PDB file of N, CA and C in Angstrom:
ATOM      1  N   MET A   1     196.410 -83.377  23.797  1.00  0.00           N
ATOM      2  CA  MET A   1     195.764 -83.949  24.973  1.00  0.00           C
ATOM      3  C   MET A   1     194.401 -83.302  25.159  1.00  0.00           C
ATOM      4  N   ASP A   2     193.403 -84.077  25.517  1.00  0.00           N
ATOM      5  CA  ASP A   2     192.056 -83.583  25.763  1.00  0.00           C
ATOM      6  C   ASP A   2     192.036 -82.936  27.142  1.00  0.00           C
ATOM      7  N   SER A   3     191.809 -81.610  27.186  1.00  0.00           N
ATOM      8  CA  SER A   3     191.838 -80.912  28.457  1.00  0.00           C
ATOM      9  C   SER A   3     190.466 -80.814  29.099  1.00  0.00           C
ATOM     10  N   PHE A   4     189.468 -81.494  28.534  1.00  0.00           N
ATOM     11  CA  PHE A   4     188.145 -81.500  29.135  1.00  0.00           C
ATOM     12  C   PHE A   4     188.229 -82.232  30.456  1.00  0.00           C
ATOM     13  N   GLN A   5     187.716 -81.617  31.510  1.00  0.00           N
ATOM     14  CA  GLN A   5     187.817 -82.224  32.831  1.00  0.00           C
ATOM     15  C   GLN A   5     186.644 -83.157  33.090  1.00  0.00           C
ATOM     16  N   SER A   6     185.459 -82.620  33.207  1.00  0.00           N
ATOM     17  CA  SER A   6     184.269 -83.441  33.387  1.00  0.00           C
ATOM     18  C   SER A   6     183.065 -82.531  33.480  1.00  0.00           C
ATOM     19  N   SER A   7     181.918 -83.149  33.541  1.00  0.00           N
ATOM     20  CA  SER A   7     180.722 -82.384  33.836  1.00  0.00           C
ATOM     21  C   SER A   7     180.043 -83.061  35.005  1.00  0.00           C
ATOM     22  N   THR A   8     179.364 -82.270  35.803  1.00  0.00           N
ATOM     23  CA  THR A   8     178.698 -82.798  36.974  1.00  0.00           C
ATOM     24  C   THR A   8     177.290 -82.242  37.049  1.00  0.00           C
ATOM     25  N   VAL A   9     176.417 -82.996  37.655  1.00  0.00           N
ATOM     26  CA  VAL A   9     175.058 -82.528  37.885  1.00  0.00           C
ATOM     27  C   VAL A   9     174.987 -82.062  39.331  1.00  0.00           C
ATOM     28  N   VAL A  10     174.625 -80.797  39.512  1.00  0.00           N
ATOM     29  CA  VAL A  10     174.448 -80.223  40.835  1.00  0.00           C
ATOM     30  C   VAL A  10     172.996 -79.788  40.919  1.00  0.00           C
ATOM     31  N   GLY A  11     172.223 -80.498  41.713  1.00  0.00           N
ATOM     32  CA  GLY A  11     170.785 -80.233  41.755  1.00  0.00           C
ATOM     33  C   GLY A  11     170.197 -80.542  40.391  1.00  0.00           C
ATOM     34  N   GLU A  12     169.629 -79.532  39.756  1.00  0.00           N
ATOM     35  CA  GLU A  12     169.021 -79.709  38.435  1.00  0.00           C
ATOM     36  C   GLU A  12     169.868 -79.077  37.338  1.00  0.00           C
ATOM     37  N   VAL A  13     171.140 -78.790  37.624  1.00  0.00           N
ATOM     38  CA  VAL A  13     172.007 -78.090  36.677  1.00  0.00           C
ATOM     39  C   VAL A  13     173.156 -79.002  36.256  1.00  0.00           C
ATOM     40  N   LEU A  14     173.370 -79.108  34.942  1.00  0.00           N
ATOM     41  CA  LEU A  14     174.536 -79.807  34.413  1.00  0.00           C
ATOM     42  C   LEU A  14     175.646 -78.776  34.290  1.00  0.00           C
ATOM     43  N   LYS A  15     176.716 -78.955  35.051  1.00  0.00           N
ATOM     44  CA  LYS A  15     177.831 -78.008  35.039  1.00  0.00           C
ATOM     45  C   LYS A  15     178.940 -78.567  34.159  1.00  0.00           C
ATOM     46  N   ILE A  16     179.238 -77.846  33.077  1.00  0.00           N
ATOM     47  CA  ILE A  16     180.296 -78.241  32.154  1.00  0.00           C
ATOM     48  C   ILE A  16     181.598 -77.618  32.642  1.00  0.00           C
ATOM     49  N   GLU A  17     182.675 -78.407  32.640  1.00  0.00           N
ATOM     50  CA  GLU A  17     183.978 -77.922  33.109  1.00  0.00           C
ATOM     51  C   GLU A  17     185.058 -78.261  32.099  1.00  0.00           C
ATOM     52  N   GLY A  18     186.026 -77.371  31.967  1.00  0.00           N
ATOM     53  CA  GLY A  18     187.155 -77.601  31.088  1.00  0.00           C
ATOM     54  C   GLY A  18     186.865 -77.174  29.657  1.00  0.00           C
ATOM     55  N   ALA A  19     187.556 -77.791  28.716  1.00  0.00           N
ATOM     56  CA  ALA A  19     187.438 -77.441  27.301  1.00  0.00           C
ATOM     57  C   ALA A  19     186.119 -77.943  26.723  1.00  0.00           C
ATOM     58  N   LEU A  20     185.559 -77.135  25.856  1.00  0.00           N
ATOM     59  CA  LEU A  20     184.352 -77.513  25.115  1.00  0.00           C
ATOM     60  C   LEU A  20     184.712 -77.339  23.650  1.00  0.00           C
ATOM     61  N   ASN A  21     185.332 -78.400  23.102  1.00  0.00           N
ATOM     62  CA  ASN A  21     185.836 -78.328  21.737  1.00  0.00           C
ATOM     63  C   ASN A  21     185.641 -79.677  21.041  1.00  0.00           C
ATOM     64  N   PHE A  22     186.109 -79.754  19.822  1.00  0.00           N
ATOM     65  CA  PHE A  22     185.909 -80.962  19.021  1.00  0.00           C
ATOM     66  C   PHE A  22     186.415 -82.211  19.734  1.00  0.00           C
ATOM     67  N   ALA A  23     187.574 -82.121  20.382  1.00  0.00           N
ATOM     68  CA  ALA A  23     188.152 -83.283  21.066  1.00  0.00           C
ATOM     69  C   ALA A  23     187.304 -83.742  22.254  1.00  0.00           C
ATOM     70  N   SER A  24     186.642 -82.822  22.912  1.00  0.00           N
ATOM     71  CA  SER A  24     185.860 -83.184  24.099  1.00  0.00           C
ATOM     72  C   SER A  24     184.408 -83.566  23.785  1.00  0.00           C
ATOM     73  N   MET A  25     183.968 -83.366  22.542  1.00  0.00           N
ATOM     74  CA  MET A  25     182.559 -83.595  22.193  1.00  0.00           C
ATOM     75  C   MET A  25     182.042 -84.995  22.530  1.00  0.00           C
ATOM     76  N   PRO A  26     182.754 -86.091  22.212  1.00  0.00           N
ATOM     77  CA  PRO A  26     182.197 -87.412  22.558  1.00  0.00           C
ATOM     78  C   PRO A  26     181.906 -87.557  24.044  1.00  0.00           C
ATOM     79  N   ARG A  27     182.806 -87.074  24.875  1.00  0.00           N
ATOM     80  CA  ARG A  27     182.612 -87.192  26.321  1.00  0.00           C
ATOM     81  C   ARG A  27     181.468 -86.286  26.794  1.00  0.00           C
ATOM     82  N   VAL A  28     181.416 -85.066  26.293  1.00  0.00           N
ATOM     83  CA  VAL A  28     180.350 -84.132  26.685  1.00  0.00           C
ATOM     84  C   VAL A  28     178.991 -84.673  26.258  1.00  0.00           C
ATOM     85  N   LEU A  29     178.907 -85.208  25.049  1.00  0.00           N
ATOM     86  CA  LEU A  29     177.644 -85.783  24.571  1.00  0.00           C
ATOM     87  C   LEU A  29     177.211 -86.963  25.438  1.00  0.00           C
ATOM     88  N   ALA A  30     178.148 -87.812  25.805  1.00  0.00           N
ATOM     89  CA  ALA A  30     177.824 -88.966  26.645  1.00  0.00           C
ATOM     90  C   ALA A  30     177.337 -88.521  28.021  1.00  0.00           C
ATOM     91  N   GLU A  31     178.022 -87.547  28.616  1.00  0.00           N
ATOM     92  CA  GLU A  31     177.632 -87.081  29.940  1.00  0.00           C
ATOM     93  C   GLU A  31     176.307 -86.335  29.915  1.00  0.00           C
ATOM     94  N   SER A  32     176.078 -85.552  28.872  1.00  0.00           N
ATOM     95  CA  SER A  32     174.807 -84.837  28.792  1.00  0.00           C
ATOM     96  C   SER A  32     173.662 -85.810  28.498  1.00  0.00           C
ATOM     97  N   SER A  33     173.948 -86.882  27.790  1.00  0.00           N
ATOM     98  CA  SER A  33     172.937 -87.901  27.540  1.00  0.00           C
ATOM     99  C   SER A  33     172.541 -88.588  28.842  1.00  0.00           C
ATOM    100  N   MET A  34     173.516 -88.847  29.701  1.00  0.00           N
ATOM    101  CA  MET A  34     173.224 -89.432  31.011  1.00  0.00           C
ATOM    102  C   MET A  34     172.348 -88.478  31.823  1.00  0.00           C
ATOM    103  N   TYR A  35     172.643 -87.190  31.759  1.00  0.00           N
ATOM    104  CA  TYR A  35     171.858 -86.168  32.462  1.00  0.00           C
ATOM    105  C   TYR A  35     170.412 -86.195  31.980  1.00  0.00           C
ATOM    106  N   SER A  36     170.216 -86.276  30.677  1.00  0.00           N
ATOM    107  CA  SER A  36     168.860 -86.206  30.130  1.00  0.00           C
ATOM    108  C   SER A  36     168.068 -87.496  30.349  1.00  0.00           C
ATOM    109  N   ARG A  37     168.734 -88.563  30.769  1.00  0.00           N
ATOM    110  CA  ARG A  37     168.037 -89.825  31.030  1.00  0.00           C
ATOM    111  C   ARG A  37     167.639 -89.995  32.497  1.00  0.00           C
ATOM    112  N   GLN A  38     167.816 -88.964  33.312  1.00  0.00           N
ATOM    113  CA  GLN A  38     167.421 -89.043  34.714  1.00  0.00           C
ATOM    114  C   GLN A  38     165.939 -89.380  34.823  1.00  0.00           C
ATOM    115  N   GLN A  39     165.593 -90.179  35.804  1.00  0.00           N
ATOM    116  CA  GLN A  39     164.180 -90.518  36.005  1.00  0.00           C
ATOM    117  C   GLN A  39     163.382 -89.302  36.444  1.00  0.00           C
ATOM    118  N   ASP A  40     163.968 -88.460  37.274  1.00  0.00           N
ATOM    119  CA  ASP A  40     163.269 -87.283  37.791  1.00  0.00           C
ATOM    120  C   ASP A  40     163.753 -86.010  37.088  1.00  0.00           C
ATOM    121  N   LEU A  41     163.826 -86.070  35.783  1.00  0.00           N
ATOM    122  CA  LEU A  41     164.313 -84.958  34.977  1.00  0.00           C
ATOM    123  C   LEU A  41     163.449 -83.715  35.213  1.00  0.00           C
ATOM    124  N   PRO A  42     164.076 -82.571  35.524  1.00  0.00           N
ATOM    125  CA  PRO A  42     163.290 -81.361  35.779  1.00  0.00           C
ATOM    126  C   PRO A  42     162.606 -80.858  34.504  1.00  0.00           C
ATOM    127  N   ASN A  43     161.612 -80.013  34.664  1.00  0.00           N
ATOM    128  CA  ASN A  43     160.902 -79.449  33.517  1.00  0.00           C
ATOM    129  C   ASN A  43     161.766 -78.481  32.720  1.00  0.00           C
ATOM    130  N   CYS A  44     162.754 -77.876  33.393  1.00  0.00           N
ATOM    131  CA  CYS A  44     163.681 -76.983  32.708  1.00  0.00           C
ATOM    132  C   CYS A  44     165.090 -77.533  32.883  1.00  0.00           C
ATOM    133  N   LEU A  45     165.694 -77.945  31.779  1.00  0.00           N
ATOM    134  CA  LEU A  45     167.064 -78.446  31.801  1.00  0.00           C
ATOM    135  C   LEU A  45     168.000 -77.244  31.806  1.00  0.00           C
ATOM    136  N   ALA A  46     168.942 -77.219  32.729  1.00  0.00           N
ATOM    137  CA  ALA A  46     169.865 -76.092  32.848  1.00  0.00           C
ATOM    138  C   ALA A  46     171.295 -76.588  32.652  1.00  0.00           C
ATOM    139  N   ILE A  47     172.039 -75.869  31.808  1.00  0.00           N
ATOM    140  CA  ILE A  47     173.429 -76.220  31.538  1.00  0.00           C
ATOM    141  C   ILE A  47     174.274 -74.988  31.831  1.00  0.00           C
ATOM    142  N   ASP A  48     175.241 -75.142  32.740  1.00  0.00           N
ATOM    143  CA  ASP A  48     176.066 -74.041  33.224  1.00  0.00           C
ATOM    144  C   ASP A  48     177.462 -74.116  32.614  1.00  0.00           C
ATOM    145  N   PHE A  49     177.876 -73.018  31.999  1.00  0.00           N
ATOM    146  CA  PHE A  49     179.166 -72.933  31.316  1.00  0.00           C
ATOM    147  C   PHE A  49     180.209 -72.148  32.115  1.00  0.00           C
ATOM    148  N   ALA A  50     179.951 -71.857  33.377  1.00  0.00           N
ATOM    149  CA  ALA A  50     180.831 -70.989  34.163  1.00  0.00           C
ATOM    150  C   ALA A  50     182.270 -71.501  34.222  1.00  0.00           C
ATOM    151  N   ASN A  51     182.474 -72.806  34.193  1.00  0.00           N
ATOM    152  CA  ASN A  51     183.818 -73.361  34.332  1.00  0.00           C
ATOM    153  C   ASN A  51     184.400 -73.890  33.022  1.00  0.00           C
ATOM    154  N   VAL A  52     183.851 -73.430  31.904  1.00  0.00           N
ATOM    155  CA  VAL A  52     184.394 -73.820  30.604  1.00  0.00           C
ATOM    156  C   VAL A  52     185.633 -72.974  30.328  1.00  0.00           C
ATOM    157  N   THR A  53     186.703 -73.633  29.903  1.00  0.00           N
ATOM    158  CA  THR A  53     187.978 -72.929  29.716  1.00  0.00           C
ATOM    159  C   THR A  53     188.331 -72.660  28.265  1.00  0.00           C
ATOM    160  N   ASP A  54     187.759 -73.412  27.342  1.00  0.00           N
ATOM    161  CA  ASP A  54     188.125 -73.272  25.938  1.00  0.00           C
ATOM    162  C   ASP A  54     186.906 -73.600  25.088  1.00  0.00           C
ATOM    163  N   ILE A  55     186.701 -72.842  24.028  1.00  0.00           N
ATOM    164  CA  ILE A  55     185.547 -73.016  23.148  1.00  0.00           C
ATOM    165  C   ILE A  55     186.049 -73.056  21.706  1.00  0.00           C
ATOM    166  N   ASP A  56     185.461 -73.921  20.893  1.00  0.00           N
ATOM    167  CA  ASP A  56     185.637 -73.801  19.446  1.00  0.00           C
ATOM    168  C   ASP A  56     184.263 -73.902  18.795  1.00  0.00           C
ATOM    169  N   SER A  57     184.230 -73.865  17.490  1.00  0.00           N
ATOM    170  CA  SER A  57     182.955 -73.797  16.777  1.00  0.00           C
ATOM    171  C   SER A  57     182.079 -75.031  16.985  1.00  0.00           C
ATOM    172  N   SER A  58     182.655 -76.158  17.376  1.00  0.00           N
ATOM    173  CA  SER A  58     181.839 -77.342  17.616  1.00  0.00           C
ATOM    174  C   SER A  58     180.877 -77.134  18.788  1.00  0.00           C
ATOM    175  N   ALA A  59     181.182 -76.196  19.665  1.00  0.00           N
ATOM    176  CA  ALA A  59     180.299 -75.916  20.799  1.00  0.00           C
ATOM    177  C   ALA A  59     178.954 -75.366  20.332  1.00  0.00           C
ATOM    178  N   VAL A  60     178.937 -74.623  19.238  1.00  0.00           N
ATOM    179  CA  VAL A  60     177.680 -74.107  18.692  1.00  0.00           C
ATOM    180  C   VAL A  60     176.794 -75.271  18.267  1.00  0.00           C
ATOM    181  N   SER A  61     177.382 -76.230  17.612  1.00  0.00           N
ATOM    182  CA  SER A  61     176.650 -77.419  17.198  1.00  0.00           C
ATOM    183  C   SER A  61     176.090 -78.162  18.412  1.00  0.00           C
ATOM    184  N   LEU A  62     176.858 -78.212  19.476  1.00  0.00           N
ATOM    185  CA  LEU A  62     176.414 -78.875  20.699  1.00  0.00           C
ATOM    186  C   LEU A  62     175.200 -78.163  21.294  1.00  0.00           C
ATOM    187  N   LEU A  63     175.216 -76.839  21.306  1.00  0.00           N
ATOM    188  CA  LEU A  63     174.073 -76.081  21.828  1.00  0.00           C
ATOM    189  C   LEU A  63     172.806 -76.397  21.036  1.00  0.00           C
ATOM    190  N   LEU A  64     172.951 -76.484  19.735  1.00  0.00           N
ATOM    191  CA  LEU A  64     171.802 -76.798  18.882  1.00  0.00           C
ATOM    192  C   LEU A  64     171.325 -78.236  19.110  1.00  0.00           C
ATOM    193  N   HIS A  65     172.259 -79.145  19.328  1.00  0.00           N
ATOM    194  CA  HIS A  65     171.897 -80.538  19.650  1.00  0.00           C
ATOM    195  C   HIS A  65     171.090 -80.575  20.944  1.00  0.00           C
ATOM    196  N   TRP A  66     171.568 -79.870  21.974  1.00  0.00           N
ATOM    197  CA  TRP A  66     170.858 -79.854  23.244  1.00  0.00           C
ATOM    198  C   TRP A  66     169.468 -79.244  23.091  1.00  0.00           C
ATOM    199  N   ARG A  67     169.340 -78.233  22.238  1.00  0.00           N
ATOM    200  CA  ARG A  67     168.029 -77.614  21.997  1.00  0.00           C
ATOM    201  C   ARG A  67     167.074 -78.649  21.383  1.00  0.00           C
ATOM    202  N   ARG A  68     167.554 -79.406  20.396  1.00  0.00           N
ATOM    203  CA  ARG A  68     166.720 -80.449  19.775  1.00  0.00           C
ATOM    204  C   ARG A  68     166.325 -81.523  20.790  1.00  0.00           C
ATOM    205  N   GLU A  69     167.263 -81.917  21.649  1.00  0.00           N
ATOM    206  CA  GLU A  69     166.976 -82.926  22.665  1.00  0.00           C
ATOM    207  C   GLU A  69     165.924 -82.430  23.650  1.00  0.00           C
ATOM    208  N   ALA A  70     166.021 -81.181  24.065  1.00  0.00           N
ATOM    209  CA  ALA A  70     165.034 -80.613  24.987  1.00  0.00           C
ATOM    210  C   ALA A  70     163.649 -80.619  24.341  1.00  0.00           C
ATOM    211  N   LEU A  71     163.590 -80.253  23.071  1.00  0.00           N
ATOM    212  CA  LEU A  71     162.310 -80.275  22.364  1.00  0.00           C
ATOM    213  C   LEU A  71     161.760 -81.697  22.283  1.00  0.00           C
ATOM    214  N   ARG A  72     162.641 -82.647  21.991  1.00  0.00           N
ATOM    215  CA  ARG A  72     162.231 -84.052  21.897  1.00  0.00           C
ATOM    216  C   ARG A  72     161.669 -84.545  23.232  1.00  0.00           C
ATOM    217  N   LEU A  73     162.271 -84.089  24.331  1.00  0.00           N
ATOM    218  CA  LEU A  73     161.844 -84.505  25.666  1.00  0.00           C
ATOM    219  C   LEU A  73     160.707 -83.644  26.217  1.00  0.00           C
ATOM    220  N   ASN A  74     160.309 -82.639  25.432  1.00  0.00           N
ATOM    221  CA  ASN A  74     159.271 -81.697  25.854  1.00  0.00           C
ATOM    222  C   ASN A  74     159.664 -80.966  27.135  1.00  0.00           C
ATOM    223  N   LYS A  75     160.918 -80.491  27.168  1.00  0.00           N
ATOM    224  CA  LYS A  75     161.460 -79.777  28.321  1.00  0.00           C
ATOM    225  C   LYS A  75     161.949 -78.409  27.879  1.00  0.00           C
ATOM    226  N   ALA A  76     161.921 -77.467  28.807  1.00  0.00           N
ATOM    227  CA  ALA A  76     162.541 -76.164  28.569  1.00  0.00           C
ATOM    228  C   ALA A  76     164.047 -76.338  28.729  1.00  0.00           C
ATOM    229  N   LEU A  77     164.806 -75.419  28.164  1.00  0.00           N
ATOM    230  CA  LEU A  77     166.261 -75.485  28.248  1.00  0.00           C
ATOM    231  C   LEU A  77     166.795 -74.100  28.566  1.00  0.00           C
ATOM    232  N   ARG A  78     167.742 -74.068  29.477  1.00  0.00           N
ATOM    233  CA  ARG A  78     168.335 -72.792  29.875  1.00  0.00           C
ATOM    234  C   ARG A  78     169.849 -72.947  29.911  1.00  0.00           C
ATOM    235  N   TYR A  79     170.533 -72.044  29.221  1.00  0.00           N
ATOM    236  CA  TYR A  79     171.994 -72.000  29.267  1.00  0.00           C
ATOM    237  C   TYR A  79     172.390 -70.909  30.248  1.00  0.00           C
ATOM    238  N   ILE A  80     173.307 -71.244  31.155  1.00  0.00           N
ATOM    239  CA  ILE A  80     173.751 -70.316  32.189  1.00  0.00           C
ATOM    240  C   ILE A  80     175.221 -69.987  31.950  1.00  0.00           C
ATOM    241  N   HIS A  81     175.579 -68.718  32.091  1.00  0.00           N
ATOM    242  CA  HIS A  81     176.958 -68.255  31.955  1.00  0.00           C
ATOM    243  C   HIS A  81     177.563 -68.589  30.597  1.00  0.00           C
ATOM    244  N   LEU A  82     176.807 -68.373  29.531  1.00  0.00           N
ATOM    245  CA  LEU A  82     177.367 -68.608  28.197  1.00  0.00           C
ATOM    246  C   LEU A  82     178.571 -67.707  27.988  1.00  0.00           C
ATOM    247  N   PRO A  83     179.715 -68.261  27.617  1.00  0.00           N
ATOM    248  CA  PRO A  83     180.892 -67.433  27.359  1.00  0.00           C
ATOM    249  C   PRO A  83     180.651 -66.481  26.175  1.00  0.00           C
ATOM    250  N   ALA A  84     181.190 -65.295  26.262  1.00  0.00           N
ATOM    251  CA  ALA A  84     181.010 -64.283  25.214  1.00  0.00           C
ATOM    252  C   ALA A  84     181.482 -64.798  23.858  1.00  0.00           C
ATOM    253  N   ASN A  85     182.585 -65.564  23.841  1.00  0.00           N
ATOM    254  CA  ASN A  85     183.074 -66.057  22.549  1.00  0.00           C
ATOM    255  C   ASN A  85     182.136 -67.099  21.939  1.00  0.00           C
ATOM    256  N   LEU A  86     181.407 -67.833  22.765  1.00  0.00           N
ATOM    257  CA  LEU A  86     180.432 -68.783  22.251  1.00  0.00           C
ATOM    258  C   LEU A  86     179.216 -68.042  21.682  1.00  0.00           C
ATOM    259  N   VAL A  87     178.789 -67.003  22.362  1.00  0.00           N
ATOM    260  CA  VAL A  87     177.688 -66.174  21.855  1.00  0.00           C
ATOM    261  C   VAL A  87     178.100 -65.536  20.533  1.00  0.00           C
ATOM    262  N   SER A  88     179.345 -65.063  20.444  1.00  0.00           N
ATOM    263  CA  SER A  88     179.849 -64.457  19.206  1.00  0.00           C
ATOM    264  C   SER A  88     179.855 -65.462  18.062  1.00  0.00           C
ATOM    265  N   LEU A  89     180.266 -66.697  18.336  1.00  0.00           N
ATOM    266  CA  LEU A  89     180.250 -67.733  17.298  1.00  0.00           C
ATOM    267  C   LEU A  89     178.818 -68.013  16.838  1.00  0.00           C
ATOM    268  N   ALA A  90     177.892 -68.071  17.773  1.00  0.00           N
ATOM    269  CA  ALA A  90     176.495 -68.308  17.412  1.00  0.00           C
ATOM    270  C   ALA A  90     175.965 -67.168  16.551  1.00  0.00           C
ATOM    271  N   GLU A  91     176.350 -65.943  16.873  1.00  0.00           N
ATOM    272  CA  GLU A  91     175.947 -64.794  16.057  1.00  0.00           C
ATOM    273  C   GLU A  91     176.559 -64.893  14.663  1.00  0.00           C
ATOM    274  N   LEU A  92     177.821 -65.268  14.591  1.00  0.00           N
ATOM    275  CA  LEU A  92     178.510 -65.410  13.307  1.00  0.00           C
ATOM    276  C   LEU A  92     177.798 -66.424  12.407  1.00  0.00           C
ATOM    277  N   TYR A  93     177.341 -67.533  12.997  1.00  0.00           N
ATOM    278  CA  TYR A  93     176.662 -68.576  12.229  1.00  0.00           C
ATOM    279  C   TYR A  93     175.168 -68.308  12.055  1.00  0.00           C
ATOM    280  N   GLY A  94     174.680 -67.222  12.634  1.00  0.00           N
ATOM    281  CA  GLY A  94     173.280 -66.852  12.469  1.00  0.00           C
ATOM    282  C   GLY A  94     172.305 -67.698  13.269  1.00  0.00           C
ATOM    283  N   VAL A  95     172.757 -68.302  14.364  1.00  0.00           N
ATOM    284  CA  VAL A  95     171.882 -69.154  15.164  1.00  0.00           C
ATOM    285  C   VAL A  95     171.707 -68.630  16.592  1.00  0.00           C
ATOM    286  N   ASN A  96     172.090 -67.399  16.818  1.00  0.00           N
ATOM    287  CA  ASN A  96     172.010 -66.830  18.164  1.00  0.00           C
ATOM    288  C   ASN A  96     170.599 -66.916  18.744  1.00  0.00           C
ATOM    289  N   ASP A  97     169.587 -66.658  17.919  1.00  0.00           N
ATOM    290  CA  ASP A  97     168.205 -66.728  18.400  1.00  0.00           C
ATOM    291  C   ASP A  97     167.816 -68.139  18.827  1.00  0.00           C
ATOM    292  N   LEU A  98     168.465 -69.138  18.275  1.00  0.00           N
ATOM    293  CA  LEU A  98     168.136 -70.520  18.616  1.00  0.00           C
ATOM    294  C   LEU A  98     168.740 -70.982  19.935  1.00  0.00           C
ATOM    295  N   ILE A  99     169.758 -70.282  20.423  1.00  0.00           N
ATOM    296  CA  ILE A  99     170.391 -70.730  21.659  1.00  0.00           C
ATOM    297  C   ILE A  99     169.907 -69.972  22.877  1.00  0.00           C
ATOM    298  N   HIS A 100     169.228 -68.867  22.682  1.00  0.00           N
ATOM    299  CA  HIS A 100     168.780 -68.071  23.828  1.00  0.00           C
ATOM    300  C   HIS A 100     167.340 -68.360  24.205  1.00  0.00           C
ATOM    301  N   CYS A 101     167.104 -68.463  25.498  1.00  0.00           N
ATOM    302  CA  CYS A 101     165.742 -68.485  26.016  1.00  0.00           C
ATOM    303  C   CYS A 101     165.315 -67.024  26.137  1.00  0.00           C
ATOM    304  N   PRO A 102     164.035 -66.724  26.046  1.00  0.00           N
ATOM    305  CA  PRO A 102     163.589 -65.334  26.097  1.00  0.00           C
ATOM    306  C   PRO A 102     164.079 -64.554  27.314  1.00  0.00           C
ATOM    307  N   SER A 103     164.154 -65.192  28.472  1.00  0.00           N
ATOM    308  CA  SER A 103     164.562 -64.467  29.674  1.00  0.00           C
ATOM    309  C   SER A 103     166.037 -64.651  30.013  1.00  0.00           C
ATOM    310  N   GLN A 104     166.793 -65.269  29.139  1.00  0.00           N
ATOM    311  CA  GLN A 104     168.187 -65.605  29.410  1.00  0.00           C
ATOM    312  C   GLN A 104     169.122 -64.447  29.100  1.00  0.00           C
ATOM    313  N   GLN A 105     170.186 -64.338  29.859  1.00  0.00           N
ATOM    314  CA  GLN A 105     171.262 -63.400  29.600  1.00  0.00           C
ATOM    315  C   GLN A 105     172.519 -64.203  29.386  1.00  0.00           C
ATOM    316  N   SER A 106     173.472 -63.684  28.593  1.00  0.00           N
ATOM    317  CA  SER A 106     174.681 -64.458  28.333  1.00  0.00           C
ATOM    318  C   SER A 106     175.550 -64.597  29.567  1.00  0.00           C
ATOM    319  N   ARG A 107     175.515 -63.634  30.448  1.00  0.00           N
ATOM    320  CA  ARG A 107     176.266 -63.713  31.698  1.00  0.00           C
ATOM    321  C   ARG A 107     175.349 -63.353  32.853  1.00  0.00           C
ATOM    322  N   ALA A 108     175.312 -64.190  33.846  1.00  0.00           N
ATOM    323  CA  ALA A 108     174.505 -63.886  35.026  1.00  0.00           C
ATOM    324  C   ALA A 108     175.249 -62.848  35.866  1.00  0.00           C
ATOM    325  N   PRO A 109     174.532 -61.984  36.553  1.00  0.00           N
ATOM    326  CA  PRO A 109     175.197 -60.986  37.406  1.00  0.00           C
ATOM    327  C   PRO A 109     175.958 -61.669  38.532  1.00  0.00           C
ATOM    328  N   ALA A 110     177.036 -61.058  38.925  1.00  0.00           N
ATOM    329  CA  ALA A 110     177.835 -61.604  40.031  1.00  0.00           C
ATOM    330  C   ALA A 110     177.024 -61.526  41.319  1.00  0.00           C
ATOM    331  N   GLU A 111     177.181 -62.552  42.131  1.00  0.00           N
ATOM    332  CA  GLU A 111     176.429 -62.575  43.390  1.00  0.00           C
ATOM    333  C   GLU A 111     177.312 -62.183  44.529  1.00  0.00           C
TER     334      GLU A 111
END
């Protein structure tokens, strides 16, 4: 069963919820595509992973896809609350530098 719940746009942030794995990729891609087609798209696209419950290696590919889309749209991209296991996978595949913005941290400090 696909345990991906949904993603929602809150302000200028796309919040991903539930599983982020191979089974959920078609839905995540469709929802993120809708986000990127907004008429009033912000200059910095932000994607929040705080409510992601499961990660597999396909999530690394998704991060790289989003990076290419941001470049195509001439927008900055910021990942918020990247799970440690996703950062580890990116390091394993040698693409960690491609997913981080210069001022980004993998986990935001608790408020």
